[in-house]
Protein backbone atom coordinates (compact mmCIF):
# COMPACT_ATOMS: atom_id res chain seq x y z
CA MET A 1 126.27 62.23 99.17
CA LEU A 2 124.95 65.36 100.62
CA PHE A 3 126.03 67.27 97.34
CA PHE A 4 124.22 64.54 95.33
CA ILE A 5 121.22 64.54 97.14
CA PHE A 6 120.81 68.72 96.49
CA ALA A 7 122.18 68.39 93.00
CA CYS A 8 119.23 66.03 92.34
CA PHE A 9 116.56 68.38 93.56
CA ILE A 10 117.94 71.08 91.35
CA ILE A 11 118.38 68.60 88.75
CA LEU A 12 115.06 67.71 88.63
CA GLY A 13 113.41 70.91 89.60
CA VAL A 14 111.56 69.67 93.07
CA GLU A 15 109.81 72.66 94.45
CA ALA A 16 107.41 72.02 97.00
CA ARG A 17 104.41 74.53 97.40
CA ASN A 18 102.42 75.36 100.38
CA ARG A 19 99.06 76.83 99.89
CA ASP A 20 100.38 79.29 102.04
CA ILE A 21 103.27 80.24 100.09
CA ILE A 22 102.80 83.23 97.54
CA ASN A 23 105.37 84.23 94.91
CA PHE A 24 104.89 87.74 93.43
CA ASN A 25 108.00 87.37 90.88
CA TYR A 26 107.40 84.78 88.17
CA GLU A 27 109.61 86.15 86.00
CA HIS A 28 112.62 83.69 86.47
CA LYS A 29 115.49 83.58 84.13
CA TYR A 30 115.03 80.63 82.58
CA GLY A 31 118.05 80.65 80.71
CA ASN A 32 120.27 81.39 83.91
CA ALA A 33 118.57 77.93 85.56
CA LEU A 34 119.29 75.81 82.74
CA LYS A 35 122.68 76.91 82.96
CA SER A 36 123.03 76.64 86.38
CA ASN A 37 121.32 73.18 86.60
CA ASN A 38 123.72 72.06 83.39
CA ILE A 39 127.07 72.70 85.91
CA LEU A 40 125.27 70.87 88.75
CA THR A 41 124.56 67.80 86.46
CA ARG A 42 127.91 67.89 85.12
CA ALA A 43 129.12 67.80 88.60
CA PHE A 44 126.63 64.83 89.00
CA LYS A 45 128.02 63.19 86.72
CA ASP A 46 131.54 63.63 87.17
CA GLN A 47 130.77 62.61 90.81
CA HIS A 48 130.46 58.93 89.92
CA ASN A 49 134.13 58.76 88.57
CA LEU A 50 135.93 60.47 91.76
CA ALA A 51 137.56 58.74 94.37
CA TYR A 52 136.48 59.73 97.82
CA GLU A 53 139.47 61.79 98.27
CA ASP A 54 138.86 63.75 95.42
CA THR A 55 135.52 64.60 95.99
CA GLU A 56 136.04 67.60 98.34
CA ASP A 57 138.68 69.40 95.34
CA LYS A 58 136.16 68.91 92.69
CA ILE A 59 132.94 70.30 95.02
CA LYS A 60 135.21 73.06 95.35
CA CYS A 61 136.00 73.68 91.51
CA ILE A 62 132.41 73.60 90.94
CA SER A 63 131.68 76.17 93.59
CA ASN A 64 134.21 78.45 92.28
CA GLU A 65 132.74 78.03 88.47
CA LEU A 66 129.17 78.97 90.34
CA ASP A 67 130.63 81.78 92.06
CA GLU A 68 132.11 83.21 88.69
CA TYR A 69 128.91 82.54 86.75
CA GLN A 70 126.87 84.29 89.74
CA ILE A 71 129.06 87.28 89.11
CA PHE A 72 127.89 87.22 85.41
CA ILE A 73 123.87 87.58 86.31
CA LYS A 74 124.57 90.14 88.62
CA LYS A 75 126.34 92.05 86.00
CA ASN A 76 123.53 91.92 83.75
CA LYS A 77 121.02 92.64 86.46
CA THR A 78 118.31 95.80 85.56
CA LYS A 79 120.00 98.88 86.98
CA LEU A 80 118.14 100.90 89.35
CA ASP A 81 117.73 103.91 90.20
CA TRP A 82 118.64 105.89 93.52
CA TRP A 83 115.03 106.17 94.82
CA GLN A 84 115.13 102.33 94.50
CA THR A 85 118.18 101.22 95.78
CA GLY A 86 118.41 103.41 98.96
CA VAL A 87 116.03 104.26 102.06
CA ILE A 88 114.28 107.67 102.92
CA TYR A 89 114.93 109.02 106.18
CA GLU A 90 111.67 111.17 107.52
CA ILE A 91 113.06 114.36 109.77
CA TYR A 92 110.65 115.93 111.44
CA CYS A 93 112.42 119.11 111.90
CA ARG A 94 111.00 120.79 115.19
CA SER A 95 112.22 117.68 117.05
CA PHE A 96 115.67 116.75 115.39
CA LYS A 97 118.12 118.84 116.61
CA ASP A 98 117.83 122.34 118.26
CA SER A 99 121.21 124.12 117.35
CA THR A 100 120.05 127.53 118.88
CA GLY A 101 118.91 127.24 122.35
CA THR A 102 115.27 128.00 121.05
CA GLY A 103 113.81 124.30 122.52
CA VAL A 104 112.80 123.93 118.87
CA GLY A 105 114.74 121.90 116.27
CA ASP A 106 116.15 123.61 113.26
CA ILE A 107 117.65 123.25 109.98
CA ARG A 108 121.46 123.86 111.43
CA GLY A 109 120.60 120.94 113.65
CA ILE A 110 120.33 118.92 110.92
CA ILE A 111 123.74 120.18 109.08
CA GLU A 112 125.07 119.36 112.39
CA LYS A 113 123.72 115.71 112.58
CA ILE A 114 124.58 114.68 108.65
CA PRO A 115 127.30 112.40 110.16
CA TYR A 116 124.59 110.31 112.08
CA LEU A 117 122.64 110.22 108.50
CA LYS A 118 125.62 109.01 106.63
CA TYR A 119 126.20 106.34 109.25
CA LEU A 120 123.12 105.22 108.73
CA GLY A 121 123.58 104.80 104.85
CA ILE A 122 120.45 106.84 104.07
CA SER A 123 120.04 107.89 100.29
CA ALA A 124 118.04 110.67 100.90
CA ILE A 125 115.75 112.76 103.48
CA TRP A 126 112.47 113.42 103.49
CA LEU A 127 111.74 117.00 105.15
CA THR A 128 108.87 117.90 106.62
CA PRO A 129 107.51 121.23 105.92
CA ILE A 130 109.99 124.11 107.05
CA TYR A 131 107.75 127.17 105.65
CA PRO A 132 106.37 130.18 107.79
CA SER A 133 103.35 128.74 109.45
CA PRO A 134 101.01 129.87 112.14
CA GLY A 135 101.34 126.65 113.67
CA VAL A 136 97.68 125.35 113.91
CA ASP A 137 98.44 122.40 112.20
CA LEU A 138 102.53 122.21 113.20
CA GLY A 139 103.82 123.49 109.72
CA TYR A 140 100.98 121.96 107.47
CA ASP A 141 99.24 125.57 107.19
CA ILE A 142 101.18 127.39 105.09
CA ASN A 143 101.82 131.24 104.77
CA ASP A 144 104.50 131.40 102.15
CA TYR A 145 105.68 128.39 100.13
CA ARG A 146 108.51 130.05 99.17
CA GLY A 147 109.94 131.23 102.85
CA ILE A 148 111.34 129.52 105.70
CA ASP A 149 110.11 129.49 109.09
CA GLU A 150 111.80 131.96 111.28
CA GLU A 151 112.29 129.33 114.21
CA MET A 152 113.49 126.78 111.35
CA GLY A 153 116.49 129.16 110.02
CA THR A 154 116.95 131.00 106.96
CA ILE A 155 116.71 130.48 103.06
CA GLU A 156 120.64 130.68 103.54
CA ASP A 157 120.91 128.18 105.93
CA PHE A 158 118.55 125.55 103.54
CA GLU A 159 121.04 126.41 100.78
CA GLU A 160 123.54 125.51 103.26
CA LEU A 161 121.82 122.02 104.18
CA ILE A 162 121.29 120.98 99.91
CA LYS A 163 125.10 121.52 99.66
CA GLN A 164 126.41 119.56 102.69
CA LEU A 165 123.74 116.89 101.77
CA HIS A 166 125.01 116.65 98.31
CA GLU A 167 128.76 116.77 99.36
CA SER A 168 127.33 113.90 101.73
CA GLY A 169 125.90 111.62 98.94
CA ILE A 170 122.49 112.42 100.23
CA LYS A 171 119.44 113.99 98.51
CA ILE A 172 116.81 116.00 99.70
CA ILE A 173 113.09 115.59 99.32
CA LEU A 174 110.69 118.82 100.43
CA ASP A 175 107.24 118.22 101.87
CA ILE A 176 104.65 120.50 99.43
CA VAL A 177 100.93 120.53 100.68
CA PRO A 178 98.86 121.59 97.87
CA ASN A 179 95.43 121.11 98.68
CA HIS A 180 95.38 123.83 101.21
CA THR A 181 97.25 127.00 102.56
CA SER A 182 96.82 128.73 105.81
CA GLU A 183 94.08 131.30 106.47
CA LYS A 184 96.71 133.93 106.86
CA HIS A 185 98.38 133.07 103.45
CA GLU A 186 98.40 136.13 101.16
CA TRP A 187 96.21 134.48 98.44
CA PHE A 188 93.63 133.84 100.90
CA LEU A 189 93.86 137.41 102.36
CA LYS A 190 93.35 138.75 98.99
CA SER A 191 90.53 135.84 98.09
CA LEU A 192 87.96 136.89 100.77
CA GLN A 193 88.42 140.52 99.69
CA LYS A 194 87.61 138.91 95.78
CA ILE A 195 90.88 140.92 94.66
CA GLU A 196 91.90 139.44 91.37
CA PRO A 197 92.84 137.05 90.19
CA TYR A 198 92.53 135.47 93.68
CA THR A 199 88.61 135.80 94.06
CA ASP A 200 88.29 132.11 93.15
CA TYR A 201 91.95 130.71 94.44
CA TYR A 202 89.76 128.96 97.00
CA ILE A 203 86.09 127.27 96.75
CA TRP A 204 83.27 129.80 98.11
CA LYS A 205 79.57 129.07 98.06
CA ASP A 206 76.54 130.97 99.04
CA ALA A 207 74.56 129.68 102.22
CA LYS A 208 71.42 127.79 101.85
CA TYR A 209 68.42 128.72 103.91
CA VAL A 210 65.88 126.77 105.36
CA ASN A 211 62.98 128.65 106.78
CA GLY A 212 65.41 131.78 107.30
CA THR A 213 68.30 129.85 108.45
CA ARG A 214 71.84 130.09 107.67
CA GLN A 215 72.52 126.42 106.71
CA PRO A 216 76.25 125.22 104.98
CA PRO A 217 75.73 124.72 101.36
CA ASN A 218 75.68 120.56 101.53
CA ASN A 219 76.20 118.00 104.09
CA TRP A 220 79.80 117.30 103.87
CA LEU A 221 81.87 116.82 106.59
CA SER A 222 85.57 117.45 107.16
CA LEU A 223 88.16 114.98 108.22
CA ARG A 224 87.69 116.59 111.67
CA PRO A 225 84.95 114.43 113.34
CA GLY A 226 81.33 115.58 113.26
CA ILE A 227 82.85 119.29 112.07
CA SER A 228 80.99 120.51 108.46
CA ILE A 229 83.44 121.09 105.88
CA TRP A 230 82.14 124.55 105.51
CA GLU A 231 82.84 127.76 107.45
CA TRP A 232 81.27 130.67 107.37
CA ASN A 233 82.92 133.91 106.71
CA GLU A 234 81.61 137.49 107.57
CA ALA A 235 83.66 139.61 105.08
CA ARG A 236 83.04 137.52 102.34
CA GLN A 237 79.15 136.69 103.51
CA GLN A 238 80.06 133.41 101.87
CA TYR A 239 80.81 129.58 103.07
CA TYR A 240 84.47 128.42 102.21
CA LEU A 241 85.76 125.08 102.34
CA HIS A 242 88.16 123.22 104.33
CA GLN A 243 88.88 119.51 104.64
CA PHE A 244 91.24 119.81 107.64
CA HIS A 245 91.14 122.71 110.26
CA GLN A 246 89.13 125.91 109.49
CA GLU A 247 92.39 127.77 109.53
CA GLN A 248 93.44 125.30 106.30
CA PRO A 249 90.89 126.78 103.63
CA ASP A 250 91.46 124.27 100.85
CA LEU A 251 92.54 125.57 97.17
CA ASN A 252 90.53 125.36 94.35
CA PHE A 253 92.13 122.78 92.18
CA TRP A 254 89.05 123.63 89.44
CA ASN A 255 91.07 126.94 88.61
CA PRO A 256 93.58 126.68 86.43
CA LEU A 257 95.56 129.45 87.64
CA VAL A 258 95.75 127.54 91.36
CA ARG A 259 97.18 124.75 89.55
CA LYS A 260 99.93 127.15 87.74
CA GLU A 261 100.81 128.41 90.76
CA ILE A 262 101.48 124.87 92.52
CA LYS A 263 103.81 124.16 89.64
CA ASP A 264 105.49 127.36 89.75
CA LEU A 265 106.27 126.74 93.44
CA LEU A 266 107.65 123.22 92.44
CA VAL A 267 110.08 124.68 89.95
CA TYR A 268 110.98 127.32 92.58
CA TRP A 269 112.61 124.58 94.75
CA LEU A 270 114.01 122.50 92.15
CA ASP A 271 115.80 125.14 90.93
CA LYS A 272 116.97 125.57 94.27
CA GLY A 273 118.48 121.98 94.25
CA VAL A 274 116.24 119.68 95.77
CA ASP A 275 115.61 116.20 94.64
CA GLY A 276 111.99 115.40 94.49
CA PHE A 277 109.02 116.05 97.05
CA ARG A 278 106.45 114.23 98.93
CA MET A 279 102.88 115.46 98.28
CA ASP A 280 100.68 115.82 101.06
CA ALA A 281 97.08 114.69 101.10
CA ILE A 282 96.92 114.48 97.23
CA GLN A 283 93.50 112.08 97.83
CA HIS A 284 92.00 115.56 98.65
CA LEU A 285 92.60 118.02 95.95
CA TYR A 286 89.36 118.29 94.32
CA GLU A 287 85.45 117.71 95.34
CA ARG A 288 82.38 116.77 93.30
CA GLN A 289 81.80 119.82 91.09
CA ASP A 290 78.06 119.65 91.36
CA TYR A 291 78.50 119.98 95.05
CA SER A 292 75.56 117.68 96.02
CA ASP A 293 74.51 116.18 99.00
CA ALA A 294 76.24 112.88 99.70
CA PRO A 295 74.36 109.91 100.37
CA LEU A 296 74.00 108.71 104.25
CA LEU A 297 75.98 105.45 104.77
CA GLU A 298 74.18 103.27 107.44
CA GLY A 299 71.57 106.01 107.64
CA LYS A 300 74.31 108.48 109.74
CA TYR A 301 77.64 109.82 108.03
CA PRO A 302 77.70 111.38 104.78
CA GLN A 303 79.61 109.48 102.17
CA THR A 304 83.28 111.02 101.65
CA MET A 305 84.88 108.95 98.50
CA GLY A 306 83.80 110.14 95.46
CA TYR A 307 82.44 113.57 97.11
CA VAL A 308 85.33 115.31 98.63
CA TYR A 309 88.31 113.01 97.42
CA ALA A 310 89.45 110.38 95.35
CA ILE A 311 87.92 112.18 92.62
CA GLU A 312 89.86 111.56 89.06
CA GLU A 313 91.17 114.60 88.46
CA SER A 314 93.54 114.15 91.44
CA PHE A 315 95.23 111.42 89.80
CA TYR A 316 95.58 113.42 86.87
CA GLU A 317 97.45 116.36 88.51
CA VAL A 318 100.05 113.89 89.35
CA TYR A 319 100.75 112.98 86.14
CA ASP A 320 101.21 116.62 85.13
CA TRP A 321 103.35 117.15 88.12
CA ARG A 322 105.66 114.03 86.94
CA ALA A 323 106.42 115.46 83.48
CA LEU A 324 107.49 118.50 85.05
CA LEU A 325 109.92 116.59 87.27
CA ASP A 326 110.90 114.29 84.05
CA ASP A 327 111.79 117.93 82.10
CA TYR A 328 114.30 118.14 85.10
CA LYS A 329 115.57 114.87 84.29
CA LYS A 330 116.05 115.75 80.89
CA LYS A 331 118.06 118.30 81.48
CA ASP A 332 120.91 116.15 83.76
CA GLY A 333 120.19 112.76 84.00
CA GLN A 334 119.11 112.86 87.82
CA THR A 335 115.66 111.60 89.03
CA ARG A 336 113.77 114.16 90.51
CA LEU A 337 111.51 111.76 92.97
CA MET A 338 107.88 111.87 93.62
CA ILE A 339 106.13 110.47 96.47
CA VAL A 340 102.44 111.19 97.38
CA GLU A 341 100.44 110.74 100.18
CA SER A 342 97.64 108.21 99.84
CA TYR A 343 95.18 106.75 102.68
CA LEU A 344 93.15 105.06 99.83
CA PRO A 345 92.43 101.35 99.50
CA PRO A 346 95.38 99.61 97.49
CA SER A 347 93.21 99.43 94.28
CA TRP A 348 92.72 103.28 94.20
CA THR A 349 96.03 104.00 95.42
CA ALA A 350 97.62 102.16 92.36
CA LYS A 351 96.37 104.72 90.56
CA PHE A 352 98.77 107.34 91.35
CA TYR A 353 101.56 105.29 89.68
CA GLY A 354 99.75 106.55 86.24
CA ASN A 355 99.44 103.85 83.30
CA ALA A 356 101.65 103.43 79.95
CA THR A 357 100.56 106.83 79.02
CA ASN A 358 101.00 109.01 81.45
CA LEU A 359 103.38 108.47 84.28
CA GLY A 360 102.48 109.54 87.86
CA ALA A 361 104.03 109.36 91.23
CA HIS A 362 107.57 107.10 91.06
CA PHE A 363 105.37 105.49 94.43
CA PRO A 364 102.93 106.17 96.95
CA LEU A 365 103.21 106.03 100.43
CA ASN A 366 102.30 102.43 100.75
CA MET A 367 100.32 101.90 104.55
CA CYS A 368 99.31 98.75 104.04
CA LEU A 369 101.74 98.14 107.47
CA ALA A 370 100.01 100.77 109.20
CA ASP A 371 97.43 99.03 110.89
CA VAL A 372 99.16 95.70 111.75
CA TYR A 373 100.24 94.91 115.28
CA HIS A 374 100.98 91.49 116.94
CA ASN A 375 98.68 89.84 114.66
CA PRO A 376 98.51 86.18 113.06
CA ALA A 377 101.06 85.49 110.20
CA LYS A 378 97.83 85.26 107.94
CA TYR A 379 96.90 89.13 108.51
CA TYR A 380 100.26 89.72 107.25
CA ILE A 381 100.36 87.85 104.25
CA GLU A 382 96.98 89.09 103.26
CA LYS A 383 97.94 92.76 103.66
CA LEU A 384 101.04 92.38 101.70
CA THR A 385 99.22 89.91 98.97
CA GLU A 386 96.46 92.80 98.64
CA TRP A 387 99.31 95.58 98.25
CA MET A 388 101.31 93.74 95.78
CA SER A 389 98.51 92.22 93.64
CA ASN A 390 97.34 96.00 93.01
CA VAL A 391 100.83 97.36 92.22
CA PRO A 392 100.47 97.53 88.54
CA SER A 393 103.47 95.55 86.62
CA GLY A 394 106.92 97.20 86.87
CA ALA A 395 105.60 99.68 89.45
CA TRP A 396 108.09 100.08 92.77
CA SER A 397 106.33 99.37 96.33
CA SER A 398 107.55 101.74 99.47
CA TRP A 399 107.15 100.38 102.61
CA THR A 400 106.18 102.67 105.73
CA ILE A 401 105.83 101.46 109.52
CA GLY A 402 106.15 104.97 111.26
CA ASN A 403 105.49 108.33 110.14
CA HIS A 404 105.05 111.70 112.06
CA ASP A 405 101.22 111.15 111.75
CA MET A 406 101.54 107.59 112.56
CA ASN A 407 100.27 106.84 116.18
CA PRO A 408 101.73 105.03 117.95
CA ARG A 409 105.00 104.87 116.95
CA PRO A 410 106.35 101.39 115.59
CA ALA A 411 108.09 99.93 118.95
CA SER A 412 105.02 101.19 121.17
CA ARG A 413 102.90 99.51 118.53
CA PHE A 414 104.89 96.25 118.27
CA GLY A 415 106.87 96.16 121.61
CA LEU A 416 110.89 96.67 121.75
CA GLU A 417 111.02 92.94 121.83
CA MET A 418 109.58 92.69 118.31
CA ILE A 419 111.08 96.22 116.64
CA ASP A 420 114.12 94.14 115.06
CA GLY A 421 111.79 91.99 113.08
CA ILE A 422 109.40 94.91 111.96
CA HIS A 423 112.72 96.64 110.55
CA MET A 424 113.69 93.44 108.66
CA ILE A 425 110.34 93.24 107.28
CA GLN A 426 110.29 96.58 106.26
CA LEU A 427 113.97 96.90 105.10
CA LEU A 428 113.78 93.50 103.48
CA LEU A 429 110.84 93.65 101.15
CA PRO A 430 111.23 94.69 97.60
CA GLY A 431 110.52 98.45 97.51
CA THR A 432 111.73 101.22 99.02
CA PRO A 433 111.92 102.00 103.15
CA ILE A 434 110.96 104.98 104.46
CA ILE A 435 112.00 105.50 108.15
CA PHE A 436 111.03 107.83 110.53
CA MET A 437 113.75 109.55 112.35
CA GLY A 438 113.78 107.37 115.86
CA ASP A 439 112.53 104.12 114.88
CA GLU A 440 115.71 102.66 114.20
CA LEU A 441 116.74 103.46 118.21
CA GLY A 442 113.37 101.96 118.97
CA MET A 443 111.92 105.37 120.51
CA THR A 444 108.72 104.97 121.93
CA ASP A 445 105.60 107.05 122.18
CA ILE A 446 105.44 109.43 125.73
CA TYR A 447 102.78 110.45 127.63
CA LEU A 448 101.75 113.84 127.32
CA ARG A 449 99.58 116.21 129.59
CA PRO A 450 96.53 117.93 128.38
CA ASP A 451 98.63 121.01 128.05
CA GLN A 452 100.92 119.68 126.23
CA ILE A 453 98.92 118.71 123.38
CA PHE A 454 98.79 120.99 120.46
CA ASP A 455 95.85 119.51 118.33
CA LYS A 456 93.08 119.78 120.70
CA GLU A 457 90.25 118.45 118.36
CA LEU A 458 92.20 115.42 117.30
CA GLU A 459 92.63 114.73 121.29
CA LYS A 460 89.11 114.34 121.38
CA THR A 461 88.90 111.56 119.48
CA GLY A 462 92.14 110.10 121.09
CA TYR A 463 94.21 110.05 118.74
CA ILE A 464 97.54 112.50 119.53
CA ARG A 465 99.98 113.29 117.08
CA GLU A 466 102.51 114.49 119.19
CA LYS A 467 103.05 111.51 121.20
CA THR A 468 105.17 110.49 118.08
CA ARG A 469 106.82 113.71 117.49
CA THR A 470 108.77 114.18 120.71
CA PRO A 471 112.63 115.19 120.10
CA ILE A 472 114.91 112.60 119.21
CA GLN A 473 117.44 111.10 121.65
CA TRP A 474 121.03 111.62 121.02
CA ASP A 475 122.57 110.62 124.37
CA SER A 476 121.97 111.11 127.99
CA SER A 477 122.64 114.44 128.75
CA PRO A 478 119.76 116.74 129.90
CA GLN A 479 117.26 116.84 127.47
CA ALA A 480 119.06 113.87 125.44
CA GLY A 481 121.10 116.12 123.54
CA PHE A 482 118.47 117.71 121.68
CA SER A 483 118.81 120.96 123.09
CA ASN A 484 120.49 123.04 125.56
CA LYS A 485 117.40 124.79 126.89
CA THR A 486 115.57 123.48 130.05
CA LYS A 487 111.86 123.64 128.47
CA THR A 488 111.39 121.98 124.81
CA TRP A 489 108.63 122.32 122.63
CA LEU A 490 107.90 118.84 123.43
CA PRO A 491 109.42 117.14 126.31
CA VAL A 492 111.72 114.25 126.01
CA ASN A 493 111.02 111.12 126.84
CA PRO A 494 112.21 110.14 129.89
CA ASN A 495 113.63 106.35 128.52
CA TYR A 496 116.49 108.64 126.74
CA VAL A 497 118.96 107.79 129.15
CA THR A 498 119.09 104.17 127.67
CA VAL A 499 117.34 104.69 124.19
CA ASN A 500 119.79 107.13 122.51
CA VAL A 501 121.94 107.22 119.69
CA ASP A 502 125.59 107.60 122.04
CA PHE A 503 124.44 104.87 124.19
CA GLU A 504 123.20 102.28 121.43
CA LEU A 505 126.24 102.98 119.29
CA ASN A 506 128.53 102.07 121.91
CA ALA A 507 126.69 99.09 123.23
CA ARG A 508 127.59 95.46 122.35
CA ARG A 509 124.21 95.23 120.79
CA SER A 510 121.66 97.58 120.11
CA HIS A 511 118.49 98.20 117.87
CA LEU A 512 120.48 100.88 116.34
CA LYS A 513 123.61 98.52 115.32
CA ILE A 514 120.92 95.68 114.03
CA PHE A 515 119.46 98.29 112.05
CA LYS A 516 122.64 99.11 110.81
CA ASP A 517 123.12 95.29 109.70
CA ILE A 518 119.93 95.16 108.27
CA MET A 519 120.56 98.40 106.28
CA ASN A 520 124.20 96.83 105.25
CA LEU A 521 122.52 93.59 104.19
CA ARG A 522 120.02 94.79 102.01
CA GLN A 523 122.62 96.22 99.59
CA LEU A 524 123.07 92.54 98.34
CA GLU A 525 121.22 91.99 94.99
CA GLU A 526 118.96 89.41 96.22
CA PHE A 527 117.43 92.17 98.15
CA ARG A 528 117.19 94.48 95.52
CA THR A 529 115.93 92.32 92.42
CA GLY A 530 115.53 88.78 94.17
CA ASP A 531 111.94 87.14 94.23
CA LEU A 532 109.81 87.35 97.44
CA GLU A 533 107.97 84.56 98.80
CA LEU A 534 105.74 84.71 101.83
CA TYR A 535 105.25 81.84 104.11
CA GLU A 536 102.33 81.36 106.97
CA ILE A 537 105.04 78.86 109.03
CA SER A 538 102.30 78.62 111.95
CA GLU A 539 99.83 80.65 113.21
CA TYR A 540 102.04 83.44 114.77
CA VAL A 541 105.19 82.75 112.88
CA PHE A 542 105.27 85.03 109.64
CA ALA A 543 108.59 84.52 107.14
CA PHE A 544 109.58 85.39 103.52
CA SER A 545 112.30 84.52 101.02
CA ARG A 546 114.19 86.50 98.87
CA SER A 547 116.45 85.24 95.81
CA ASN A 548 117.44 85.51 92.47
CA SER A 549 119.36 81.95 92.02
CA PHE A 550 119.02 78.55 93.11
CA PHE A 551 122.46 78.70 94.74
CA LYS A 552 121.50 81.63 97.80
CA THR A 553 118.26 82.33 99.42
CA TYR A 554 117.77 84.64 102.48
CA PHE A 555 114.52 83.51 104.92
CA ILE A 556 113.24 86.34 107.10
CA VAL A 557 111.58 84.79 109.57
CA ILE A 558 109.34 86.39 112.95
CA ASN A 559 107.92 85.50 115.83
CA LEU A 560 104.87 87.19 116.08
CA GLY A 561 103.31 85.75 119.08
CA SER A 562 103.87 85.32 122.90
CA GLU A 563 105.29 81.40 122.70
CA MET A 564 108.31 79.68 122.05
CA GLU A 565 108.09 78.34 118.62
CA ASN A 566 109.69 75.41 116.73
CA ILE A 567 110.63 75.97 112.81
CA ASN A 568 110.63 73.86 110.50
CA LEU A 569 111.52 75.48 107.23
CA THR A 570 111.41 72.32 105.00
CA LYS A 571 108.07 72.13 104.98
CA PHE A 572 107.45 75.30 103.22
CA LYS A 573 110.46 75.03 101.17
CA THR A 574 111.98 71.73 99.68
CA MET A 575 114.97 73.10 97.34
CA ILE A 576 116.60 74.61 100.72
CA PHE A 577 120.05 73.62 102.10
CA PRO A 578 119.90 71.52 105.58
CA LYS A 579 122.02 74.44 107.42
CA LEU A 580 121.26 78.10 107.36
CA THR A 581 123.69 80.60 108.73
CA VAL A 582 122.09 83.40 111.12
CA LYS A 583 123.15 86.76 109.39
CA ILE A 584 121.09 88.89 111.79
CA SER A 585 119.44 88.07 115.00
CA SER A 586 117.15 90.35 117.01
CA LEU A 587 118.45 91.42 120.16
CA PHE A 588 116.15 89.05 121.96
CA ALA A 589 116.69 86.06 119.90
CA GLU A 590 118.58 83.16 121.62
CA GLN A 591 120.80 82.45 118.13
CA ASN A 592 123.53 85.23 117.51
CA ASN A 593 125.13 86.11 114.36
CA GLY A 594 127.21 83.71 112.47
CA ASP A 595 125.38 80.49 114.33
CA VAL A 596 124.23 77.61 112.31
CA VAL A 597 120.95 76.10 112.54
CA SER A 598 119.10 73.03 110.98
CA ALA A 599 116.60 74.44 108.57
CA LYS A 600 114.41 71.31 109.77
CA SER A 601 114.51 72.37 113.34
CA PHE A 602 115.14 75.58 115.43
CA THR A 603 113.68 77.52 118.02
CA LEU A 604 112.57 80.87 118.01
CA ARG A 605 111.65 82.92 120.81
CA PRO A 606 108.60 85.11 121.54
CA SER A 607 108.65 88.48 119.27
CA ALA A 608 112.18 87.28 118.26
CA ALA A 609 113.25 87.19 114.45
CA LEU A 610 116.35 86.21 112.37
CA VAL A 611 117.76 86.69 108.70
CA LEU A 612 119.00 83.38 107.38
CA GLU A 613 121.09 82.49 104.94
CA SER A 614 120.82 79.07 102.78
CA SER A 615 123.95 78.92 100.27
CA PHE A 616 124.97 76.48 98.28
CA SER A 617 128.67 77.42 99.48
CA HIS A 618 127.60 75.84 102.91
CA ILE A 619 127.26 72.40 101.82
CA PHE A 620 130.98 72.34 102.04
CA ASP A 621 131.47 75.01 104.91
CA HIS A 622 129.54 73.02 107.47
């Protein structure tokens, strides 16, 4: 009888819509649905002519037919590229693995840990800057775009890294910093001496004098709180522009020679065999060319958007780089990926995708989950809706919950009890997840003394990036197996004794093992191409579903609050089978993998999360 009821639901197309449910993919395969309905309709009609004892055999026959049809559907799915089906893993090289005993991570340390990367199942690593640098901005102030910092290793080490990664089926994405260089870069040293062609490689402006007092050319401020964007240089007797540290002068992208230099360095690394680039600080490439004073917002701070960043030419530059990468693809059919960093509002960030005439980045880094904490479910829905409603049709999303700049780490932001659920959200939404190293373990922030903090300017604001950049925790040996040196460049978090790779691999259940389970599950077609619906189950219970057919749907349910919740999914999804199988449970959930729960009523502990499977086959499994 249960079979008849659900067959009727499907035949009639009954689908309850709650105002809190948002479907982001209306392009259902109507032909597929019709054929599916025909199969079930035939089953329903046959059922009237069957004796009771023949019912189970008939259901199994129908189930086999549906399984065969499901295989047919999958064979006709749109083929996705490597950067769409995989997961990208960000490595902050200084903190990954020290192979030389210096207390600083290096390239050979990454090579040593390739087996771990293979275990995780990631498709590519994003490697933060490894170029020669004075270290004012810990690698993002670059002396030489074509070199390797001696602390990191040699160019030969890097070539070996590429070789071994590729042999292991892992691609490599380099961080490129086109907006600025170090003040010690050869280009800047020649520019301040007005040696051609470098004279205008940077933005130089004469001083403005008021009552005989030298003042900056305008009222623009840098990203450092209260600090002018202009720095006086005695040697050249002019100001130069810097959006970040004063030791990081901005390149002049209005100069075509500068634009060519950046394209040439992309070619250099492409020829070395890298598979793509993460382009840093792209919204800052251009500044308003008339250099007029910005209006004061609320009568206090100068406006920045449209003056020092988010200039239209910044988007055009991305389109030009994409054309270069696509030229390489034409040679061998292999996509070279371009990711751009952007902290602009979603409607502006979406412009980096390009348009029908000019393709842009494959995707920008999506920061919509960067500022969610223990917020109500409605807030999650609003953030996701805002992002996805701005993504152009056919474009691909990325999902970031942590990186080398985001403080605090996700496990500190959400709590260890909730980190598994947050990873379910990040890994099972439609798009490409980008994981910051150590987040899969539940690594947390660390207390740092003032003398252990590198960026003193940021420290004044209470924003301490170094907290998230501590060495990755490999095992419970001294220095967490990161280094054999007593003092490492940043201290190891004291919780390394139990929060480490070795411990979690050998535990019966752990954040790492749950992360791996989620990684395996996202290989299913439902999570690659399936429709997405979001649900506000209660004020503090957020859920979403992924499905590409009538016959199987996955529900991800997470309790964001601090109280036990009773869940009734049938209030939000009428077309749901009465019994659901727990595919993955978070570490502190009361349910275990493989448990069966009622769609109409199950409990969820505070901060707990489940991945549930609703499947046609469960009608006769349970």
